[in-house]
């Protein structure tokens, strides 16, 4: 099975958000369909997916120890 594209991940995340909120946004209004969101909101979901990918794929950070001079 091929890895989903970022667009597919963003659409899936948006769908999951809608399922978790009963299909409502933060104001209690019905969520629009993905195609009706508009470019800015779609871009925001894509950006969120990119950040999740970055967090998952980047090596774990080593905690820094303060200098004790």
Protein backbone atom coordinates (compact mmCIF):
# COMPACT_ATOMS: atom_id res chain seq x y z
CA UNK A 1 0.00 0.00 0.00
CA UNK A 2 1.36 3.41 -0.98
CA UNK A 3 2.04 6.03 1.65
CA UNK A 4 -0.71 8.68 1.72
CA UNK A 5 0.10 12.12 0.37
CA UNK A 6 0.17 15.16 2.64
CA UNK A 7 -3.11 16.26 1.11
CA UNK A 8 -4.70 12.91 1.95
CA UNK A 9 -3.33 13.13 5.49
CA UNK A 10 -4.67 16.67 5.91
CA UNK A 11 -8.10 15.64 4.62
CA UNK A 12 -8.08 12.61 6.89
CA UNK A 13 -7.11 14.72 9.89
CA UNK A 14 -9.87 17.21 9.09
CA UNK A 15 -12.39 14.37 8.81
CA UNK A 16 -11.22 12.93 12.14
CA UNK A 17 -11.52 16.37 13.75
CA UNK A 18 -15.09 16.59 12.49
CA UNK A 19 -15.90 13.14 13.83
CA UNK A 20 -14.44 14.03 17.23
CA UNK A 21 -16.42 17.27 17.46
CA UNK A 22 -19.72 15.98 16.17
CA UNK A 23 -19.16 17.86 12.90
CA UNK A 24 -18.98 21.26 14.62
CA UNK A 25 -16.31 23.94 14.74
CA UNK A 26 -15.21 25.81 17.88
CA UNK A 27 -18.24 28.13 17.58
CA UNK A 28 -20.64 25.20 17.46
CA UNK A 29 -21.32 25.71 13.75
CA UNK A 30 -21.34 22.86 11.23
CA UNK A 31 -17.98 22.15 9.64
CA UNK A 32 -17.88 22.74 5.90
CA UNK A 33 -16.77 20.01 3.53
CA UNK A 34 -13.04 19.99 2.75
CA UNK A 35 -13.58 21.42 -0.73
CA UNK A 36 -15.55 24.33 0.75
CA UNK A 37 -12.90 25.33 3.33
CA UNK A 38 -10.98 27.74 1.19
CA UNK A 39 -7.26 27.92 0.57
CA UNK A 40 -6.16 29.45 3.86
CA UNK A 41 -7.79 26.80 6.06
CA UNK A 42 -6.73 23.94 3.78
CA UNK A 43 -3.17 25.31 3.89
CA UNK A 44 -3.35 25.40 7.70
CA UNK A 45 -4.28 21.69 7.82
CA UNK A 46 -1.46 20.87 5.39
CA UNK A 47 0.97 22.85 7.54
CA UNK A 48 -0.16 20.95 10.63
CA UNK A 49 0.45 17.64 8.83
CA UNK A 50 3.92 18.80 7.78
CA UNK A 51 4.75 19.62 11.40
CA UNK A 52 3.56 16.20 12.59
CA UNK A 53 5.71 14.56 9.91
CA UNK A 54 8.70 16.67 10.97
CA UNK A 55 8.21 15.68 14.61
CA UNK A 56 7.86 12.00 13.74
CA UNK A 57 10.82 11.88 11.38
CA UNK A 58 13.33 14.08 13.19
CA UNK A 59 15.79 12.44 15.58
CA UNK A 60 14.95 12.74 19.27
CA UNK A 61 16.47 15.74 20.98
CA UNK A 62 19.05 15.26 23.68
CA UNK A 63 18.33 17.43 26.71
CA UNK A 64 20.88 20.20 27.12
CA UNK A 65 22.73 20.55 30.37
CA UNK A 66 23.32 24.14 31.50
CA UNK A 67 26.92 25.28 31.58
CA UNK A 68 28.28 25.17 35.09
CA UNK A 69 31.24 27.54 34.82
